[in-house]
C-alpha cells in the first residue's frame, strides 16, 4: 500500500519518475515501488531492506530480542501512543514483507543495494537481494549496523549521489580486472 501511495504522490506532484532512496522499511518500499511501478523509478538505492519476516533475513539473536516485545504489545489491549507506534514498527519487521525473488528480477532500473556488515538484516540476505536484481551494485559497509546512512553519513551521501549521477556500468570479461 505504501509503494502505491508513493506512486500516487509522484502523480499528484506531476513527477513522472524519480531517483528513489530508502532505508529499512523505506528500502523495502523502494524495492516495491520499482517492482510495482517501474516507470516511476529512474534508479534506486536501498539500505537495510529484507524480503521476508523471518530468521533467513534477520539474525536469530535479533529475532529473539524483538519477538518478546512484539508478543507483549500484541496481547496488550490498551497501549500508550508510544507503544502503538512501537507496535506498528515491530509488526513491519515481524509480519512483513513477503517479496518473492522472481519479483526482484522484474526490477529494470539500476539499483544500489546497501547493508551494514553488522546490520539487523543478514549480509547474505542483502546479497540475495543484490543477486536477483539484473542491474545492481552491492555495497556492504564495514563496522556498521542498521544505521548506515547515519554511521557513514558523508560517505553514504557521496556514494549514493555518485550512483544517481553516473550511468550504470556493466562490467564483464576483461573489464572485471579493472
N, C-alpha and C. Protein backbone atom coordinates (compact mmCIF):
# COMPACT_ATOMS: atom_id res chain seq x y z
N UNK A 1 0.82 -1.18 0.00
CA UNK A 1 0.00 0.00 0.00
C UNK A 1 0.88 1.26 0.00
N UNK A 2 1.98 1.24 0.79
CA UNK A 2 2.83 2.43 0.85
C UNK A 2 3.50 2.70 -0.51
N UNK A 3 3.94 1.65 -1.20
CA UNK A 3 4.56 1.84 -2.51
C UNK A 3 3.55 2.43 -3.50
N UNK A 4 2.32 1.97 -3.43
CA UNK A 4 1.27 2.54 -4.29
C UNK A 4 0.99 3.99 -3.91
N UNK A 5 1.05 4.29 -2.62
CA UNK A 5 0.87 5.68 -2.17
C UNK A 5 1.99 6.57 -2.72
N UNK A 6 3.22 6.07 -2.72
CA UNK A 6 4.33 6.86 -3.27
C UNK A 6 4.12 7.11 -4.76
N UNK A 7 3.64 6.11 -5.46
CA UNK A 7 3.35 6.28 -6.88
C UNK A 7 2.29 7.37 -7.09
N UNK A 8 1.23 7.31 -6.28
CA UNK A 8 0.17 8.32 -6.37
C UNK A 8 0.70 9.70 -6.00
N UNK A 9 1.60 9.77 -5.02
CA UNK A 9 2.19 11.06 -4.64
C UNK A 9 2.99 11.64 -5.81
N UNK A 10 3.78 10.80 -6.46
CA UNK A 10 4.53 11.28 -7.62
C UNK A 10 3.58 11.81 -8.69
N UNK A 11 2.47 11.09 -8.92
CA UNK A 11 1.47 11.57 -9.88
C UNK A 11 0.90 12.92 -9.46
N UNK A 12 0.54 13.03 -8.19
CA UNK A 12 -0.05 14.27 -7.68
C UNK A 12 0.92 15.44 -7.81
N UNK A 13 2.21 15.16 -7.65
CA UNK A 13 3.22 16.20 -7.78
C UNK A 13 3.66 16.41 -9.23
N UNK A 14 3.04 15.65 -10.14
CA UNK A 14 3.35 15.69 -11.58
C UNK A 14 4.83 15.39 -11.86
N UNK A 15 5.33 14.39 -11.12
CA UNK A 15 6.69 13.89 -11.31
C UNK A 15 6.58 12.54 -11.98
N UNK A 16 7.08 12.44 -13.22
CA UNK A 16 6.91 11.18 -13.95
C UNK A 16 7.79 10.06 -13.41
N UNK A 17 9.02 10.39 -12.98
CA UNK A 17 9.90 9.38 -12.41
C UNK A 17 10.92 10.07 -11.52
N UNK A 18 11.54 9.29 -10.63
CA UNK A 18 12.44 9.88 -9.64
C UNK A 18 13.57 8.92 -9.29
N UNK A 19 14.61 9.50 -8.72
CA UNK A 19 15.65 8.71 -8.07
C UNK A 19 15.11 8.38 -6.68
N UNK A 20 15.10 7.12 -6.32
CA UNK A 20 14.45 6.68 -5.09
C UNK A 20 15.49 6.10 -4.13
N UNK A 21 15.45 6.57 -2.89
CA UNK A 21 16.33 6.04 -1.86
C UNK A 21 15.47 5.67 -0.66
N UNK A 22 15.78 4.52 -0.06
CA UNK A 22 15.02 4.10 1.10
C UNK A 22 15.89 3.35 2.08
N UNK A 23 15.55 3.50 3.35
CA UNK A 23 16.29 2.86 4.45
C UNK A 23 15.32 2.03 5.26
N UNK A 24 15.65 0.76 5.49
CA UNK A 24 14.85 -0.15 6.29
C UNK A 24 13.49 -0.37 5.62
N UNK A 25 12.39 -0.03 6.30
CA UNK A 25 11.08 -0.18 5.64
C UNK A 25 11.00 0.69 4.40
N UNK A 26 11.69 1.83 4.42
CA UNK A 26 11.76 2.68 3.23
C UNK A 26 12.51 1.99 2.10
N UNK A 27 13.52 1.18 2.45
CA UNK A 27 14.25 0.40 1.44
C UNK A 27 13.36 -0.67 0.83
N UNK A 28 12.53 -1.28 1.66
CA UNK A 28 11.56 -2.26 1.16
C UNK A 28 10.59 -1.57 0.21
N UNK A 29 10.10 -0.39 0.61
CA UNK A 29 9.17 0.34 -0.24
C UNK A 29 9.82 0.80 -1.54
N UNK A 30 11.11 1.12 -1.50
CA UNK A 30 11.83 1.47 -2.73
C UNK A 30 11.82 0.27 -3.69
N UNK A 31 12.10 -0.92 -3.14
CA UNK A 31 12.06 -2.14 -3.97
C UNK A 31 10.66 -2.36 -4.54
N UNK A 32 9.65 -2.24 -3.68
CA UNK A 32 8.27 -2.48 -4.12
C UNK A 32 7.82 -1.45 -5.16
N UNK A 33 8.24 -0.20 -5.00
CA UNK A 33 7.89 0.81 -5.99
C UNK A 33 8.50 0.45 -7.34
N UNK A 34 9.76 0.01 -7.35
CA UNK A 34 10.42 -0.39 -8.60
C UNK A 34 9.79 -1.64 -9.20
N UNK A 35 9.25 -2.51 -8.37
CA UNK A 35 8.59 -3.73 -8.86
C UNK A 35 7.21 -3.40 -9.42
N UNK A 36 6.43 -2.64 -8.66
CA UNK A 36 5.02 -2.41 -8.99
C UNK A 36 4.81 -1.23 -9.94
N UNK A 37 5.72 -0.28 -9.92
CA UNK A 37 5.60 0.92 -10.76
C UNK A 37 6.95 1.24 -11.39
N UNK A 38 7.46 0.34 -12.24
CA UNK A 38 8.83 0.50 -12.75
C UNK A 38 9.06 1.81 -13.51
N UNK A 39 8.03 2.33 -14.11
CA UNK A 39 8.17 3.58 -14.87
C UNK A 39 8.44 4.78 -13.97
N UNK A 40 8.21 4.64 -12.68
CA UNK A 40 8.37 5.74 -11.72
C UNK A 40 9.80 5.84 -11.17
N UNK A 41 10.62 4.81 -11.36
CA UNK A 41 11.92 4.76 -10.70
C UNK A 41 13.04 4.79 -11.73
N UNK A 42 13.80 5.90 -11.73
CA UNK A 42 14.96 6.01 -12.63
C UNK A 42 16.08 5.11 -12.13
N UNK A 43 16.38 5.26 -10.85
CA UNK A 43 17.39 4.44 -10.16
C UNK A 43 16.93 4.31 -8.73
N UNK A 44 17.38 3.23 -8.07
CA UNK A 44 17.02 3.08 -6.66
C UNK A 44 18.22 2.69 -5.83
N UNK A 45 18.25 3.24 -4.63
CA UNK A 45 19.24 2.87 -3.62
C UNK A 45 18.45 2.40 -2.40
N UNK A 46 18.77 1.21 -1.94
CA UNK A 46 18.04 0.61 -0.83
C UNK A 46 19.03 0.10 0.20
N UNK A 47 18.85 0.51 1.46
CA UNK A 47 19.72 0.03 2.53
C UNK A 47 18.88 -0.59 3.64
N UNK A 48 19.35 -1.70 4.16
CA UNK A 48 18.69 -2.36 5.29
C UNK A 48 17.33 -2.94 4.97
N UNK A 49 17.13 -3.39 3.74
CA UNK A 49 15.84 -3.98 3.34
C UNK A 49 15.88 -5.49 3.50
N UNK A 50 14.69 -6.07 3.66
CA UNK A 50 14.57 -7.52 3.67
C UNK A 50 13.38 -7.93 2.82
N UNK A 51 13.33 -9.21 2.49
CA UNK A 51 12.28 -9.75 1.62
C UNK A 51 11.24 -10.55 2.39
N UNK A 52 11.64 -11.08 3.54
CA UNK A 52 10.76 -11.94 4.34
C UNK A 52 10.92 -11.62 5.82
N UNK A 53 9.88 -11.88 6.62
CA UNK A 53 9.96 -11.61 8.05
C UNK A 53 10.32 -12.86 8.86
N UNK A 54 11.56 -13.29 8.73
CA UNK A 54 11.97 -14.48 9.47
C UNK A 54 13.48 -14.50 9.64
N UNK A 55 13.98 -15.59 10.21
CA UNK A 55 15.41 -15.68 10.51
C UNK A 55 16.27 -16.01 9.29
N UNK A 56 15.68 -16.15 8.12
CA UNK A 56 16.53 -16.22 6.93
C UNK A 56 17.02 -14.82 6.57
N UNK A 57 16.30 -13.80 7.02
CA UNK A 57 16.67 -12.41 6.76
C UNK A 57 17.26 -11.72 7.99
N UNK A 58 16.71 -12.02 9.15
CA UNK A 58 17.09 -11.36 10.40
C UNK A 58 17.84 -12.37 11.27
N UNK A 59 19.01 -11.99 11.79
CA UNK A 59 19.74 -12.93 12.65
C UNK A 59 18.87 -13.39 13.83
N UNK A 60 19.00 -14.65 14.19
CA UNK A 60 18.19 -15.23 15.27
C UNK A 60 18.32 -14.42 16.56
N UNK A 61 19.50 -13.93 16.86
CA UNK A 61 19.71 -13.13 18.07
C UNK A 61 18.80 -11.89 18.06
N UNK A 62 18.67 -11.24 16.92
CA UNK A 62 17.80 -10.06 16.80
C UNK A 62 16.34 -10.49 16.87
N UNK A 63 16.02 -11.56 16.17
CA UNK A 63 14.65 -12.09 16.18
C UNK A 63 14.21 -12.42 17.60
N UNK A 64 15.09 -13.11 18.33
CA UNK A 64 14.78 -13.49 19.71
C UNK A 64 14.67 -12.27 20.63
N UNK A 65 15.29 -11.18 20.25
CA UNK A 65 15.22 -9.96 21.05
C UNK A 65 13.89 -9.21 20.80
N UNK A 66 13.42 -9.19 19.54
CA UNK A 66 12.22 -8.41 19.23
C UNK A 66 10.92 -9.18 19.43
N UNK A 67 10.96 -10.49 19.31
CA UNK A 67 9.71 -11.26 19.42
C UNK A 67 9.02 -11.11 20.77
N UNK A 68 9.73 -11.14 21.90
CA UNK A 68 9.02 -10.93 23.18
C UNK A 68 8.37 -9.55 23.27
N UNK A 69 9.03 -8.53 22.74
CA UNK A 69 8.43 -7.19 22.73
C UNK A 69 7.17 -7.17 21.88
N UNK A 70 7.26 -7.80 20.71
CA UNK A 70 6.11 -7.86 19.80
C UNK A 70 4.94 -8.61 20.45
N UNK A 71 5.23 -9.76 21.05
CA UNK A 71 4.17 -10.56 21.68
C UNK A 71 3.53 -9.82 22.84
N UNK A 72 4.36 -9.14 23.64
CA UNK A 72 3.82 -8.39 24.78
C UNK A 72 2.90 -7.27 24.31
N UNK A 73 3.30 -6.55 23.28
CA UNK A 73 2.46 -5.46 22.77
C UNK A 73 1.25 -5.99 22.02
N UNK A 74 1.39 -7.13 21.39
CA UNK A 74 0.30 -7.73 20.64
C UNK A 74 -0.86 -8.12 21.55
N UNK A 75 -0.55 -8.57 22.75
CA UNK A 75 -1.59 -9.02 23.68
C UNK A 75 -2.12 -7.89 24.56
N UNK A 76 -1.44 -6.77 24.55
CA UNK A 76 -1.85 -5.64 25.39
C UNK A 76 -3.05 -4.94 24.74
N UNK A 77 -4.15 -4.83 25.47
CA UNK A 77 -5.38 -4.25 24.91
C UNK A 77 -5.36 -2.73 24.88
N UNK A 78 -4.71 -2.11 25.84
CA UNK A 78 -4.64 -0.65 25.88
C UNK A 78 -3.17 -0.25 25.79
N UNK A 79 -2.85 0.53 24.74
CA UNK A 79 -1.46 0.93 24.51
C UNK A 79 -1.34 2.45 24.57
N UNK A 80 -0.20 2.90 25.11
CA UNK A 80 0.11 4.33 25.07
C UNK A 80 0.41 4.70 23.62
N UNK A 81 0.41 5.97 23.27
CA UNK A 81 0.78 6.36 21.90
C UNK A 81 2.17 5.85 21.50
N UNK A 82 3.12 5.87 22.42
CA UNK A 82 4.46 5.37 22.12
C UNK A 82 4.44 3.86 21.86
N UNK A 83 3.65 3.13 22.66
CA UNK A 83 3.53 1.69 22.46
C UNK A 83 2.84 1.38 21.13
N UNK A 84 1.84 2.15 20.77
CA UNK A 84 1.16 1.94 19.48
C UNK A 84 2.14 2.12 18.33
N UNK A 85 2.96 3.16 18.41
CA UNK A 85 3.94 3.41 17.36
C UNK A 85 4.99 2.29 17.33
N UNK A 86 5.49 1.90 18.49
CA UNK A 86 6.47 0.81 18.56
C UNK A 86 5.90 -0.49 18.03
N UNK A 87 4.64 -0.75 18.35
CA UNK A 87 3.99 -1.97 17.87
C UNK A 87 3.88 -1.97 16.34
N UNK A 88 3.52 -0.82 15.77
CA UNK A 88 3.44 -0.73 14.30
C UNK A 88 4.79 -1.04 13.66
N UNK A 89 5.86 -0.51 14.23
CA UNK A 89 7.19 -0.77 13.69
C UNK A 89 7.58 -2.24 13.85
N UNK A 90 7.28 -2.81 15.01
CA UNK A 90 7.58 -4.23 15.22
C UNK A 90 6.77 -5.11 14.27
N UNK A 91 5.52 -4.75 14.03
CA UNK A 91 4.69 -5.53 13.10
C UNK A 91 5.32 -5.55 11.71
N UNK A 92 5.88 -4.41 11.30
CA UNK A 92 6.52 -4.37 9.98
C UNK A 92 7.68 -5.36 9.92
N UNK A 93 8.45 -5.47 10.98
CA UNK A 93 9.58 -6.40 11.00
C UNK A 93 9.13 -7.85 11.11
N UNK A 94 8.12 -8.11 11.94
CA UNK A 94 7.71 -9.47 12.27
C UNK A 94 6.72 -10.05 11.25
N UNK A 95 5.94 -9.21 10.61
CA UNK A 95 4.89 -9.71 9.71
C UNK A 95 5.12 -9.41 8.23
N UNK A 96 5.99 -8.48 7.91
CA UNK A 96 6.19 -8.06 6.54
C UNK A 96 7.69 -7.99 6.23
N UNK A 97 8.08 -7.97 5.00
CA UNK A 97 7.34 -8.12 3.76
C UNK A 97 7.32 -9.59 3.31
N UNK A 98 6.74 -9.79 2.16
CA UNK A 98 6.73 -11.11 1.51
C UNK A 98 6.98 -10.87 0.03
N UNK A 99 8.25 -10.68 -0.32
CA UNK A 99 8.63 -10.36 -1.70
C UNK A 99 9.34 -11.56 -2.31
N UNK A 100 8.73 -12.17 -3.32
CA UNK A 100 9.40 -13.31 -3.97
C UNK A 100 10.62 -12.85 -4.78
N UNK A 101 11.61 -13.71 -4.87
CA UNK A 101 12.80 -13.39 -5.66
C UNK A 101 12.44 -13.08 -7.11
N UNK A 102 11.42 -13.76 -7.62
CA UNK A 102 11.01 -13.51 -9.01
C UNK A 102 10.54 -12.07 -9.21
N UNK A 103 10.01 -11.44 -8.16
CA UNK A 103 9.62 -10.03 -8.27
C UNK A 103 10.84 -9.13 -8.37
N UNK A 104 11.90 -9.44 -7.64
CA UNK A 104 13.13 -8.64 -7.73
C UNK A 104 13.68 -8.67 -9.15
N UNK A 105 13.54 -9.81 -9.81
CA UNK A 105 14.07 -9.95 -11.16
C UNK A 105 13.34 -9.08 -12.17
N UNK A 106 12.19 -8.52 -11.77
CA UNK A 106 11.43 -7.60 -12.62
C UNK A 106 11.96 -6.17 -12.53
N UNK A 107 12.80 -5.88 -11.55
CA UNK A 107 13.31 -4.52 -11.39
C UNK A 107 14.24 -4.22 -12.56
N UNK A 108 13.89 -3.21 -13.34
CA UNK A 108 14.65 -2.91 -14.54
C UNK A 108 15.60 -1.73 -14.38
N UNK A 109 15.44 -0.95 -13.34
CA UNK A 109 16.31 0.21 -13.17
C UNK A 109 17.61 -0.18 -12.48
N UNK A 110 18.68 0.59 -12.72
CA UNK A 110 19.90 0.35 -11.96
C UNK A 110 19.62 0.53 -10.46
N UNK A 111 20.23 -0.34 -9.66
CA UNK A 111 19.95 -0.36 -8.23
C UNK A 111 21.25 -0.49 -7.45
N UNK A 112 21.30 0.21 -6.32
CA UNK A 112 22.42 0.09 -5.39
C UNK A 112 21.85 -0.50 -4.11
N UNK A 113 22.29 -1.70 -3.79
CA UNK A 113 21.80 -2.41 -2.61
C UNK A 113 22.89 -2.30 -1.53
N UNK A 114 22.47 -1.80 -0.36
CA UNK A 114 23.41 -1.42 0.69
C UNK A 114 23.04 -2.12 2.00
N UNK A 115 24.06 -2.46 2.77
CA UNK A 115 23.84 -3.01 4.10
C UNK A 115 25.07 -2.81 4.97
N UNK A 116 24.88 -2.92 6.25
CA UNK A 116 25.99 -2.90 7.18
C UNK A 116 26.45 -4.32 7.45
N UNK A 117 27.74 -4.49 7.73
CA UNK A 117 28.22 -5.85 7.99
C UNK A 117 27.79 -6.38 9.35
N UNK A 118 27.13 -5.54 10.16
CA UNK A 118 26.53 -5.96 11.43
C UNK A 118 25.10 -5.46 11.51
N UNK A 119 24.44 -5.47 10.38
CA UNK A 119 23.06 -4.98 10.24
C UNK A 119 22.09 -5.94 10.94
N UNK A 120 20.86 -5.48 11.15
CA UNK A 120 19.81 -6.38 11.64
C UNK A 120 19.27 -7.24 10.49
N UNK A 121 19.74 -6.96 9.30
CA UNK A 121 19.47 -7.81 8.13
C UNK A 121 20.77 -8.53 7.81
N UNK A 122 20.69 -9.83 7.68
CA UNK A 122 21.90 -10.62 7.42
C UNK A 122 22.57 -10.16 6.11
N UNK A 123 23.89 -10.17 6.12
CA UNK A 123 24.64 -9.78 4.92
C UNK A 123 24.28 -10.68 3.74
N UNK A 124 24.11 -11.97 4.00
CA UNK A 124 23.77 -12.88 2.89
C UNK A 124 22.38 -12.61 2.34
N UNK A 125 21.50 -12.05 3.15
CA UNK A 125 20.17 -11.69 2.67
C UNK A 125 20.26 -10.44 1.78
N UNK A 126 21.08 -9.48 2.19
CA UNK A 126 21.33 -8.30 1.36
C UNK A 126 21.94 -8.74 0.03
N UNK A 127 22.86 -9.69 0.09
CA UNK A 127 23.48 -10.23 -1.12
C UNK A 127 22.44 -10.92 -2.01
N UNK A 128 21.50 -11.62 -1.41
CA UNK A 128 20.44 -12.27 -2.17
C UNK A 128 19.61 -11.24 -2.94
N UNK A 129 19.31 -10.14 -2.30
CA UNK A 129 18.57 -9.06 -2.98
C UNK A 129 19.39 -8.57 -4.16
N UNK A 130 20.65 -8.24 -3.91
CA UNK A 130 21.56 -7.76 -4.96
C UNK A 130 21.65 -8.74 -6.13
N UNK A 131 21.82 -10.01 -5.83
CA UNK A 131 22.00 -11.03 -6.88
C UNK A 131 20.75 -11.22 -7.75
N UNK A 132 19.60 -10.82 -7.26
CA UNK A 132 18.36 -11.05 -8.01
C UNK A 132 17.82 -9.83 -8.73
N UNK A 133 18.54 -8.74 -8.69
CA UNK A 133 18.18 -7.55 -9.45
C UNK A 133 19.15 -7.47 -10.63
N UNK A 134 18.63 -7.50 -11.85
CA UNK A 134 19.51 -7.60 -13.02
C UNK A 134 20.61 -6.54 -13.13
N UNK A 135 20.33 -5.28 -12.81
CA UNK A 135 21.32 -4.21 -12.95
C UNK A 135 21.61 -3.62 -11.57
N UNK A 136 22.30 -4.40 -10.74
CA UNK A 136 22.52 -3.96 -9.36
C UNK A 136 24.00 -3.93 -9.00
N UNK A 137 24.29 -3.02 -8.10
CA UNK A 137 25.57 -2.96 -7.42
C UNK A 137 25.33 -3.32 -5.96
N UNK A 138 26.38 -3.75 -5.29
CA UNK A 138 26.31 -4.10 -3.87
C UNK A 138 27.33 -3.28 -3.10
N UNK A 139 26.91 -2.76 -1.94
CA UNK A 139 27.83 -2.04 -1.07
C UNK A 139 27.55 -2.46 0.37
N UNK A 140 28.49 -3.19 0.96
CA UNK A 140 28.41 -3.58 2.37
C UNK A 140 29.40 -2.71 3.13
N UNK A 141 28.88 -1.97 4.11
CA UNK A 141 29.70 -1.04 4.87
C UNK A 141 30.28 -1.74 6.10
N UNK A 142 31.59 -1.64 6.31
CA UNK A 142 32.21 -2.29 7.46
C UNK A 142 31.92 -1.54 8.76
N UNK A 143 31.89 -2.30 9.84
CA UNK A 143 31.69 -1.73 11.19
C UNK A 143 30.42 -0.88 11.25
N UNK A 144 29.36 -1.39 10.62
CA UNK A 144 28.09 -0.66 10.60
C UNK A 144 26.95 -1.63 10.87
N UNK A 145 26.01 -1.15 11.68
CA UNK A 145 24.77 -1.88 11.90
C UNK A 145 23.73 -1.43 10.90
N UNK A 146 22.51 -1.26 11.37
CA UNK A 146 21.38 -0.93 10.51
C UNK A 146 21.37 0.54 10.08
N UNK A 147 22.10 1.38 10.79
CA UNK A 147 22.05 2.83 10.56
C UNK A 147 23.14 3.30 9.61
N UNK A 148 23.28 2.64 8.47
CA UNK A 148 24.32 3.00 7.50
C UNK A 148 24.27 4.47 7.08
N UNK A 149 23.07 5.07 6.87
CA UNK A 149 23.07 6.48 6.46
C UNK A 149 23.52 7.44 7.56
N UNK A 150 23.53 6.98 8.80
CA UNK A 150 23.97 7.83 9.92
C UNK A 150 25.44 7.58 10.23
N UNK A 151 25.80 6.30 10.39
CA UNK A 151 27.17 5.94 10.76
C UNK A 151 28.16 6.39 9.68
N UNK A 152 27.76 6.28 8.43
CA UNK A 152 28.61 6.64 7.29
C UNK A 152 28.03 7.82 6.52
N UNK A 153 27.45 8.79 7.21
CA UNK A 153 26.67 9.83 6.54
C UNK A 153 27.41 10.51 5.38
N UNK A 154 28.66 10.89 5.54
CA UNK A 154 29.37 11.58 4.47
C UNK A 154 29.64 10.66 3.29
N UNK A 155 30.20 9.49 3.57
CA UNK A 155 30.46 8.52 2.50
C UNK A 155 29.17 8.06 1.86
N UNK A 156 28.17 7.80 2.69
CA UNK A 156 26.88 7.32 2.19
C UNK A 156 26.31 8.31 1.18
N UNK A 157 26.26 9.57 1.54
CA UNK A 157 25.70 10.58 0.65
C UNK A 157 26.51 10.73 -0.62
N UNK A 158 27.84 10.70 -0.52
CA UNK A 158 28.69 10.81 -1.71
C UNK A 158 28.50 9.62 -2.65
N UNK A 159 28.51 8.42 -2.10
CA UNK A 159 28.39 7.22 -2.94
C UNK A 159 27.01 7.16 -3.60
N UNK A 160 25.96 7.42 -2.84
CA UNK A 160 24.61 7.36 -3.42
C UNK A 160 24.45 8.47 -4.47
N UNK A 161 24.95 9.66 -4.20
CA UNK A 161 24.88 10.75 -5.18
C UNK A 161 25.63 10.38 -6.45
N UNK A 162 26.83 9.81 -6.30
CA UNK A 162 27.61 9.38 -7.47
C UNK A 162 26.85 8.30 -8.24
N UNK A 163 26.24 7.36 -7.52
CA UNK A 163 25.45 6.31 -8.18
C UNK A 163 24.30 6.93 -8.99
N UNK A 164 23.58 7.89 -8.39
CA UNK A 164 22.46 8.51 -9.08
C UNK A 164 22.91 9.36 -10.27
N UNK A 165 24.10 9.92 -10.22
CA UNK A 165 24.52 10.87 -11.26
C UNK A 165 25.39 10.27 -12.36
N UNK A 166 25.74 8.99 -12.26
CA UNK A 166 26.55 8.38 -13.32
C UNK A 166 25.80 7.21 -13.95
N UNK A 167 26.07 6.96 -15.23
CA UNK A 167 25.38 5.84 -15.89
C UNK A 167 25.77 4.50 -15.28
N UNK A 168 24.83 3.56 -15.34
CA UNK A 168 25.11 2.21 -14.88
C UNK A 168 26.17 1.61 -15.79
N UNK A 169 27.11 0.91 -15.22
CA UNK A 169 28.20 0.31 -15.97
C UNK A 169 28.14 -1.20 -15.85
N UNK A 170 28.00 -1.87 -16.96
CA UNK A 170 28.05 -3.33 -16.98
C UNK A 170 29.51 -3.73 -17.05
N UNK A 171 29.91 -4.58 -16.15
CA UNK A 171 31.31 -4.99 -16.10
C UNK A 171 31.38 -6.48 -16.43
N UNK A 172 32.00 -6.81 -17.56
CA UNK A 172 32.11 -8.20 -18.00
C UNK A 172 33.51 -8.47 -18.53
N UNK A 173 33.76 -9.74 -18.75
CA UNK A 173 35.02 -10.15 -19.38
C UNK A 173 36.25 -9.53 -18.76
N UNK A 174 37.14 -8.98 -19.62
CA UNK A 174 38.37 -8.39 -19.16
C UNK A 174 38.14 -7.17 -18.26
N UNK A 175 36.99 -6.54 -18.41
CA UNK A 175 36.65 -5.38 -17.59
C UNK A 175 36.61 -5.71 -16.11
N UNK A 176 36.40 -6.98 -15.79
CA UNK A 176 36.36 -7.40 -14.38
C UNK A 176 37.71 -7.29 -13.70
N UNK A 177 38.78 -7.13 -14.49
CA UNK A 177 40.12 -6.96 -13.91
C UNK A 177 40.40 -5.51 -13.53
N UNK A 178 39.55 -4.58 -13.97
CA UNK A 178 39.82 -3.15 -13.73
C UNK A 178 38.82 -2.56 -12.77
